[in-house]
Amino acid sequence: MRILVAEDDQLMQGALRLGLENSGYAVDVIDNGTAAASALIDVDYDLLLLDLGLPGLDGTEVLRQVRKSGRSLPIIVITARDTIEDKIEGLDLGANDYITKPFDFRELDARIRAFLRKDTFGNKMEIVHGPIRFVTTSREVFINDVAAELTPREVAVLELLLQKVGRMVRKRQMVEHVGTWDEEPSDNAMEIVVHRLRRKLEACGIKISTVRGFGYMLDEWSQA
């Protein structure tokens, strides 16, 4: 999952990046509203953490623009603006949630999981595909009820494939899903990630097919 953090406080930026990356997310951080609005046009993010007091373009205007465009992107406002009027305005402009600073990261992390679970997996707590069990709350993967030893990128790719079983996922979509501005994997690096994931899954009968020149597909499960 790829999250955009629009926050201008450097200490908060660092804390959010560290916490979110430890939770397995790919994270991009922007410190002004103008750049945030531009990034949201260029990249298909899974969720936006939005501070309202941004320089350049106020967070409320970023929020207004996103919703005016018709996008259903989950948006959690994180702000020091704590009056009832501020909260009502933020929610009425289209925020899915509103958290005031200071806050406990564990609560934010739980709210992020809830929104991504709803948006991506229809509120399912677990996704089962043959012998694979993917726990959406913790992003843990089990194969035949044994914890799978997957890297964060392998988990992210499997997560994307599980969303579209039997349908192709473009390689570029995978790159955007697992990469960040600081470190975006090349097409060759993504091929290596898929190759390693495929080797770990093939022993239990799970097949990832290559659509040559385009992308990959997690095949429908069929018991041999």
C-alpha atoms as a PDB file:
ATOM      1  CA  MET A   1       0.000   0.000   0.000  1.00  0.00           C
ATOM      2  CA  ARG A   2       1.274   3.465  -0.869  1.00  0.00           C
ATOM      3  CA  ILE A   3       0.459   6.399   1.390  1.00  0.00           C
ATOM      4  CA  LEU A   4       1.024  10.111   0.837  1.00  0.00           C
ATOM      5  CA  VAL A   5       1.762  12.164   3.946  1.00  0.00           C
ATOM      6  CA  ALA A   6       1.158  15.904   3.478  1.00  0.00           C
ATOM      7  CA  GLU A   7       2.725  17.438   6.600  1.00  0.00           C
ATOM      8  CA  ASP A   8       5.089  20.411   7.000  1.00  0.00           C
ATOM      9  CA  ASP A   9       6.413  19.732  10.508  1.00  0.00           C
ATOM     10  CA  GLN A  10       9.728  17.886  10.146  1.00  0.00           C
ATOM     11  CA  LEU A  11       9.520  16.014  13.438  1.00  0.00           C
ATOM     12  CA  MET A  12       6.007  14.806  12.610  1.00  0.00           C
ATOM     13  CA  GLN A  13       7.142  13.868   9.100  1.00  0.00           C
ATOM     14  CA  GLY A  14       9.921  11.685  10.462  1.00  0.00           C
ATOM     15  CA  ALA A  15       7.728  10.028  13.063  1.00  0.00           C
ATOM     16  CA  LEU A  16       4.982   9.247  10.561  1.00  0.00           C
ATOM     17  CA  ARG A  17       7.388   7.919   7.946  1.00  0.00           C
ATOM     18  CA  LEU A  18       9.123   5.655  10.461  1.00  0.00           C
ATOM     19  CA  GLY A  19       5.878   4.343  11.937  1.00  0.00           C
ATOM     20  CA  LEU A  20       4.198   3.745   8.583  1.00  0.00           C
ATOM     21  CA  GLU A  21       7.230   2.066   7.032  1.00  0.00           C
ATOM     22  CA  ASN A  22       7.502  -0.183  10.081  1.00  0.00           C
ATOM     23  CA  SER A  23       3.877  -1.127   9.436  1.00  0.00           C
ATOM     24  CA  GLY A  24       4.819  -2.192   5.908  1.00  0.00           C
ATOM     25  CA  TYR A  25       3.585   0.768   3.851  1.00  0.00           C
ATOM     26  CA  ALA A  26       5.378   2.608   1.077  1.00  0.00           C
ATOM     27  CA  VAL A  27       5.434   6.271   2.122  1.00  0.00           C
ATOM     28  CA  ASP A  28       5.921   9.561   0.291  1.00  0.00           C
ATOM     29  CA  VAL A  29       6.168  12.770   2.325  1.00  0.00           C
ATOM     30  CA  ILE A  30       5.373  16.283   1.062  1.00  0.00           C
ATOM     31  CA  ASP A  31       5.613  19.511   3.041  1.00  0.00           C
ATOM     32  CA  ASN A  32       3.267  21.850   1.138  1.00  0.00           C
ATOM     33  CA  GLY A  33      -0.225  21.784  -0.271  1.00  0.00           C
ATOM     34  CA  THR A  34       0.654  22.748  -3.833  1.00  0.00           C
ATOM     35  CA  ALA A  35       3.038  19.815  -4.216  1.00  0.00           C
ATOM     36  CA  ALA A  36       0.546  17.494  -2.534  1.00  0.00           C
ATOM     37  CA  ALA A  37      -2.196  18.412  -5.011  1.00  0.00           C
ATOM     38  CA  SER A  38       0.224  17.772  -7.881  1.00  0.00           C
ATOM     39  CA  ALA A  39       1.403  14.421  -6.468  1.00  0.00           C
ATOM     40  CA  LEU A  40      -2.180  13.222  -6.122  1.00  0.00           C
ATOM     41  CA  ILE A  41      -2.656  13.789  -9.845  1.00  0.00           C
ATOM     42  CA  ASP A  42       0.532  11.948 -10.810  1.00  0.00           C
ATOM     43  CA  VAL A  43       0.381   8.940  -8.441  1.00  0.00           C
ATOM     44  CA  ASP A  44      -2.458   6.550  -7.598  1.00  0.00           C
ATOM     45  CA  TYR A  45      -2.153   6.535  -3.801  1.00  0.00           C
ATOM     46  CA  ASP A  46      -4.100   4.210  -1.523  1.00  0.00           C
ATOM     47  CA  LEU A  47      -4.551   6.769   1.260  1.00  0.00           C
ATOM     48  CA  LEU A  48      -3.748  10.408   2.118  1.00  0.00           C
ATOM     49  CA  LEU A  49      -2.742  11.705   5.546  1.00  0.00           C
ATOM     50  CA  LEU A  50      -3.437  15.425   5.324  1.00  0.00           C
ATOM     51  CA  ASP A  51      -2.422  18.252   7.625  1.00  0.00           C
ATOM     52  CA  LEU A  52      -4.716  21.251   7.200  1.00  0.00           C
ATOM     53  CA  GLY A  53      -2.147  23.932   8.028  1.00  0.00           C
ATOM     54  CA  LEU A  54       0.030  23.475   4.956  1.00  0.00           C
ATOM     55  CA  PRO A  55       1.984  26.260   3.247  1.00  0.00           C
ATOM     56  CA  GLY A  56       1.399  27.004  -0.421  1.00  0.00           C
ATOM     57  CA  LEU A  57      -2.101  25.577  -0.561  1.00  0.00           C
ATOM     58  CA  ASP A  58      -4.143  25.058   2.580  1.00  0.00           C
ATOM     59  CA  GLY A  59      -5.087  21.477   3.396  1.00  0.00           C
ATOM     60  CA  THR A  60      -8.782  22.285   3.195  1.00  0.00           C
ATOM     61  CA  GLU A  61      -8.281  23.364  -0.422  1.00  0.00           C
ATOM     62  CA  VAL A  62      -6.359  20.162  -1.197  1.00  0.00           C
ATOM     63  CA  LEU A  63      -9.249  18.217   0.308  1.00  0.00           C
ATOM     64  CA  ARG A  64     -11.774  20.215  -1.697  1.00  0.00           C
ATOM     65  CA  GLN A  65      -9.892  19.613  -4.956  1.00  0.00           C
ATOM     66  CA  VAL A  66      -9.580  15.864  -4.394  1.00  0.00           C
ATOM     67  CA  ARG A  67     -13.293  15.465  -3.770  1.00  0.00           C
ATOM     68  CA  LYS A  68     -14.230  17.808  -6.627  1.00  0.00           C
ATOM     69  CA  SER A  69     -12.273  15.508  -8.957  1.00  0.00           C
ATOM     70  CA  GLY A  70     -14.546  12.645  -7.915  1.00  0.00           C
ATOM     71  CA  ARG A  71     -11.828  10.454  -6.408  1.00  0.00           C
ATOM     72  CA  SER A  72     -12.792   8.125  -3.569  1.00  0.00           C
ATOM     73  CA  LEU A  73      -9.282   8.145  -2.077  1.00  0.00           C
ATOM     74  CA  PRO A  74      -9.474   7.630   1.722  1.00  0.00           C
ATOM     75  CA  ILE A  75      -8.324  10.817   3.472  1.00  0.00           C
ATOM     76  CA  ILE A  76      -7.469  11.121   7.157  1.00  0.00           C
ATOM     77  CA  VAL A  77      -6.961  14.669   8.398  1.00  0.00           C
ATOM     78  CA  ILE A  78      -4.239  15.079  11.042  1.00  0.00           C
ATOM     79  CA  THR A  79      -4.246  18.606  12.418  1.00  0.00           C
ATOM     80  CA  ALA A  80      -3.933  20.905  15.403  1.00  0.00           C
ATOM     81  CA  ARG A  81      -7.258  22.528  14.497  1.00  0.00           C
ATOM     82  CA  ASP A  82      -9.411  21.015  17.221  1.00  0.00           C
ATOM     83  CA  THR A  83     -12.635  23.011  17.395  1.00  0.00           C
ATOM     84  CA  ILE A  84     -15.959  21.377  16.613  1.00  0.00           C
ATOM     85  CA  GLU A  85     -16.382  23.803  13.723  1.00  0.00           C
ATOM     86  CA  ASP A  86     -13.035  22.733  12.228  1.00  0.00           C
ATOM     87  CA  LYS A  87     -13.936  19.061  12.511  1.00  0.00           C
ATOM     88  CA  ILE A  88     -17.349  19.586  10.936  1.00  0.00           C
ATOM     89  CA  GLU A  89     -15.825  21.557   8.063  1.00  0.00           C
ATOM     90  CA  GLY A  90     -13.169  18.908   7.413  1.00  0.00           C
ATOM     91  CA  LEU A  91     -15.655  16.047   7.418  1.00  0.00           C
ATOM     92  CA  ASP A  92     -18.165  17.989   5.306  1.00  0.00           C
ATOM     93  CA  LEU A  93     -15.427  18.711   2.741  1.00  0.00           C
ATOM     94  CA  GLY A  94     -14.903  14.974   2.336  1.00  0.00           C
ATOM     95  CA  ALA A  95     -12.416  13.757   4.937  1.00  0.00           C
ATOM     96  CA  ASN A  96     -13.068  10.177   6.023  1.00  0.00           C
ATOM     97  CA  ASP A  97     -11.611  10.774   9.471  1.00  0.00           C
ATOM     98  CA  TYR A  98     -10.286  13.644  11.552  1.00  0.00           C
ATOM     99  CA  ILE A  99      -7.558  13.246  14.186  1.00  0.00           C
ATOM    100  CA  THR A 100      -6.244  16.134  16.259  1.00  0.00           C
ATOM    101  CA  LYS A 101      -2.637  16.502  17.373  1.00  0.00           C
ATOM    102  CA  PRO A 102      -1.106  15.199  19.525  1.00  0.00           C
ATOM    103  CA  PHE A 103      -2.260  11.628  18.921  1.00  0.00           C
ATOM    104  CA  ASP A 104      -1.056   8.098  19.607  1.00  0.00           C
ATOM    105  CA  PHE A 105       0.399   6.520  16.453  1.00  0.00           C
ATOM    106  CA  ARG A 106      -1.156   3.181  17.370  1.00  0.00           C
ATOM    107  CA  GLU A 107      -4.611   4.707  17.026  1.00  0.00           C
ATOM    108  CA  LEU A 108      -3.738   6.281  13.676  1.00  0.00           C
ATOM    109  CA  ASP A 109      -2.310   2.975  12.475  1.00  0.00           C
ATOM    110  CA  ALA A 110      -5.516   1.162  13.431  1.00  0.00           C
ATOM    111  CA  ARG A 111      -7.652   3.741  11.621  1.00  0.00           C
ATOM    112  CA  ILE A 112      -5.497   3.416   8.507  1.00  0.00           C
ATOM    113  CA  ARG A 113      -5.897  -0.365   8.559  1.00  0.00           C
ATOM    114  CA  ALA A 114      -9.667   0.017   8.905  1.00  0.00           C
ATOM    115  CA  PHE A 115      -9.949   2.347   5.908  1.00  0.00           C
ATOM    116  CA  LEU A 116      -7.668   0.286   3.687  1.00  0.00           C
ATOM    117  CA  ARG A 117      -9.501  -2.884   4.686  1.00  0.00           C
ATOM    118  CA  LYS A 118     -12.811  -1.319   3.670  1.00  0.00           C
ATOM    119  CA  ASP A 119     -11.523   0.320   0.492  1.00  0.00           C
ATOM    120  CA  THR A 120      -9.446  -2.601  -0.768  1.00  0.00           C
ATOM    121  CA  PHE A 121     -11.010  -5.768   0.606  1.00  0.00           C
ATOM    122  CA  GLY A 122     -14.616  -4.815   1.375  1.00  0.00           C
ATOM    123  CA  ASN A 123     -14.079  -4.942   5.166  1.00  0.00           C
ATOM    124  CA  LYS A 124     -12.942  -8.568   5.083  1.00  0.00           C
ATOM    125  CA  MET A 125     -10.604  -9.420   7.950  1.00  0.00           C
ATOM    126  CA  GLU A 126      -8.978 -12.253   6.013  1.00  0.00           C
ATOM    127  CA  ILE A 127      -8.547 -13.112   2.341  1.00  0.00           C
ATOM    128  CA  VAL A 128      -8.264 -16.812   1.563  1.00  0.00           C
ATOM    129  CA  HIS A 129      -6.915 -18.057  -1.752  1.00  0.00           C
ATOM    130  CA  GLY A 130      -6.371 -21.797  -1.707  1.00  0.00           C
ATOM    131  CA  PRO A 131      -3.806 -22.496   1.050  1.00  0.00           C
ATOM    132  CA  ILE A 132      -2.980 -18.782   1.376  1.00  0.00           C
ATOM    133  CA  ARG A 133      -4.527 -16.734   4.176  1.00  0.00           C
ATOM    134  CA  PHE A 134      -3.847 -13.004   4.146  1.00  0.00           C
ATOM    135  CA  VAL A 135      -4.799 -11.155   7.345  1.00  0.00           C
ATOM    136  CA  THR A 136      -5.837  -7.658   6.302  1.00  0.00           C
ATOM    137  CA  THR A 137      -5.482  -6.116   9.777  1.00  0.00           C
ATOM    138  CA  SER A 138      -1.851  -7.138  10.331  1.00  0.00           C
ATOM    139  CA  ARG A 139      -0.876  -7.848   6.677  1.00  0.00           C
ATOM    140  CA  GLU A 140       0.447 -11.232   7.749  1.00  0.00           C
ATOM    141  CA  VAL A 141       0.520 -14.105   5.259  1.00  0.00           C
ATOM    142  CA  PHE A 142      -0.011 -17.741   6.199  1.00  0.00           C
ATOM    143  CA  ILE A 143       0.411 -20.750   3.931  1.00  0.00           C
ATOM    144  CA  ASN A 144      -1.336 -23.856   5.219  1.00  0.00           C
ATOM    145  CA  ASP A 145      -1.640 -21.970   8.530  1.00  0.00           C
ATOM    146  CA  VAL A 146       2.126 -21.516   8.798  1.00  0.00           C
ATOM    147  CA  ALA A 147       3.500 -17.958   8.790  1.00  0.00           C
ATOM    148  CA  ALA A 148       5.130 -17.254   5.421  1.00  0.00           C
ATOM    149  CA  GLU A 149       8.578 -15.680   5.348  1.00  0.00           C
ATOM    150  CA  LEU A 150       7.961 -12.880   2.851  1.00  0.00           C
ATOM    151  CA  THR A 151       9.739  -9.560   2.458  1.00  0.00           C
ATOM    152  CA  PRO A 152       7.666  -6.336   2.730  1.00  0.00           C
ATOM    153  CA  ARG A 153       7.769  -5.936  -1.051  1.00  0.00           C
ATOM    154  CA  GLU A 154       6.677  -9.532  -1.600  1.00  0.00           C
ATOM    155  CA  VAL A 155       3.757  -8.965   0.767  1.00  0.00           C
ATOM    156  CA  ALA A 156       2.818  -5.769  -1.091  1.00  0.00           C
ATOM    157  CA  VAL A 157       2.892  -7.543  -4.467  1.00  0.00           C
ATOM    158  CA  LEU A 158       0.866 -10.484  -3.157  1.00  0.00           C
ATOM    159  CA  GLU A 159      -1.632  -8.066  -1.642  1.00  0.00           C
ATOM    160  CA  LEU A 160      -2.087  -6.388  -5.027  1.00  0.00           C
ATOM    161  CA  LEU A 161      -2.442  -9.726  -6.834  1.00  0.00           C
ATOM    162  CA  LEU A 162      -5.018 -10.930  -4.301  1.00  0.00           C
ATOM    163  CA  GLN A 163      -7.136  -7.890  -5.094  1.00  0.00           C
ATOM    164  CA  LYS A 164      -7.357  -8.992  -8.723  1.00  0.00           C
ATOM    165  CA  VAL A 165      -7.295 -12.795  -8.794  1.00  0.00           C
ATOM    166  CA  GLY A 166      -7.641 -13.971 -12.381  1.00  0.00           C
ATOM    167  CA  ARG A 167      -6.951 -10.488 -13.753  1.00  0.00           C
ATOM    168  CA  MET A 168      -3.719  -8.941 -14.935  1.00  0.00           C
ATOM    169  CA  VAL A 169      -1.819  -6.457 -12.778  1.00  0.00           C
ATOM    170  CA  ARG A 170       0.443  -4.224 -14.838  1.00  0.00           C
ATOM    171  CA  LYS A 171       4.117  -4.112 -13.905  1.00  0.00           C
ATOM    172  CA  ARG A 172       4.005  -0.317 -13.678  1.00  0.00           C
ATOM    173  CA  GLN A 173       1.132  -0.565 -11.195  1.00  0.00           C
ATOM    174  CA  MET A 174       3.259  -2.867  -9.047  1.00  0.00           C
ATOM    175  CA  VAL A 175       6.179  -0.443  -9.162  1.00  0.00           C
ATOM    176  CA  GLU A 176       3.941   2.438  -8.064  1.00  0.00           C
ATOM    177  CA  HIS A 177       2.361   0.261  -5.368  1.00  0.00           C
ATOM    178  CA  VAL A 178       5.591  -0.713  -3.632  1.00  0.00           C
ATOM    179  CA  GLY A 179       7.894   2.179  -4.493  1.00  0.00           C
ATOM    180  CA  THR A 180       8.516   5.620  -3.044  1.00  0.00           C
ATOM    181  CA  TRP A 181      10.056   8.762  -4.489  1.00  0.00           C
ATOM    182  CA  ASP A 182      13.212   7.983  -2.541  1.00  0.00           C
ATOM    183  CA  GLU A 183      13.479   4.452  -3.890  1.00  0.00           C
ATOM    184  CA  GLU A 184      11.336   3.358  -6.793  1.00  0.00           C
ATOM    185  CA  PRO A 185      12.240  -0.141  -7.990  1.00  0.00           C
ATOM    186  CA  SER A 186      13.152  -0.647 -11.635  1.00  0.00           C
ATOM    187  CA  ASP A 187      11.224  -3.038 -13.845  1.00  0.00           C
ATOM    188  CA  ASN A 188      14.085  -5.533 -13.462  1.00  0.00           C
ATOM    189  CA  ALA A 189      13.958  -5.246  -9.660  1.00  0.00           C
ATOM    190  CA  MET A 190      10.210  -5.864  -9.751  1.00  0.00           C
ATOM    191  CA  GLU A 191      10.758  -8.961 -11.877  1.00  0.00           C
ATOM    192  CA  ILE A 192      13.102 -10.262  -9.184  1.00  0.00           C
ATOM    193  CA  VAL A 193      10.501  -9.612  -6.458  1.00  0.00           C
ATOM    194  CA  VAL A 194       7.842 -11.496  -8.442  1.00  0.00           C
ATOM    195  CA  HIS A 195      10.262 -14.329  -9.218  1.00  0.00           C
ATOM    196  CA  ARG A 196      11.110 -14.817  -5.548  1.00  0.00           C
ATOM    197  CA  LEU A 197       7.455 -14.627  -4.519  1.00  0.00           C
ATOM    198  CA  ARG A 198       6.537 -17.148  -7.224  1.00  0.00           C
ATOM    199  CA  ARG A 199       9.155 -19.608  -5.947  1.00  0.00           C
ATOM    200  CA  LYS A 200       7.828 -19.331  -2.394  1.00  0.00           C
ATOM    201  CA  LEU A 201       4.241 -19.979  -3.509  1.00  0.00           C
ATOM    202  CA  GLU A 202       4.622 -22.623  -6.193  1.00  0.00           C
ATOM    203  CA  ALA A 203       5.277 -25.432  -3.687  1.00  0.00           C
ATOM    204  CA  CYS A 204       1.718 -25.096  -2.394  1.00  0.00           C
ATOM    205  CA  GLY A 205       0.164 -24.968  -5.859  1.00  0.00           C
ATOM    206  CA  ILE A 206      -0.261 -21.201  -6.184  1.00  0.00           C
ATOM    207  CA  LYS A 207       0.649 -19.946  -9.655  1.00  0.00           C
ATOM    208  CA  ILE A 208       1.597 -16.445 -10.757  1.00  0.00           C
ATOM    209  CA  SER A 209       1.416 -16.189 -14.534  1.00  0.00           C
ATOM    210  CA  THR A 210       3.410 -13.724 -16.621  1.00  0.00           C
ATOM    211  CA  VAL A 211       1.546 -11.741 -19.248  1.00  0.00           C
ATOM    212  CA  ARG A 212       4.606 -11.105 -21.342  1.00  0.00           C
ATOM    213  CA  GLY A 213       5.361  -7.455 -21.875  1.00  0.00           C
ATOM    214  CA  PHE A 214       2.489  -6.291 -19.672  1.00  0.00           C
ATOM    215  CA  GLY A 215       2.368  -7.697 -16.156  1.00  0.00           C
ATOM    216  CA  TYR A 216       1.383 -10.607 -13.928  1.00  0.00           C
ATOM    217  CA  MET A 217      -1.704 -12.461 -12.806  1.00  0.00           C
ATOM    218  CA  LEU A 218      -2.521 -14.617  -9.805  1.00  0.00           C
ATOM    219  CA  ASP A 219      -4.307 -17.613 -11.309  1.00  0.00           C
ATOM    220  CA  GLU A 220      -7.651 -18.804 -10.008  1.00  0.00           C
ATOM    221  CA  TRP A 221      -7.220 -21.499  -7.372  1.00  0.00           C
ATOM    222  CA  SER A 222      -7.934 -25.058  -8.488  1.00  0.00           C
ATOM    223  CA  GLN A 223      -7.333 -28.040  -6.235  1.00  0.00           C
ATOM    224  CA  ALA A 224      -5.130 -30.567  -8.054  1.00  0.00           C
END
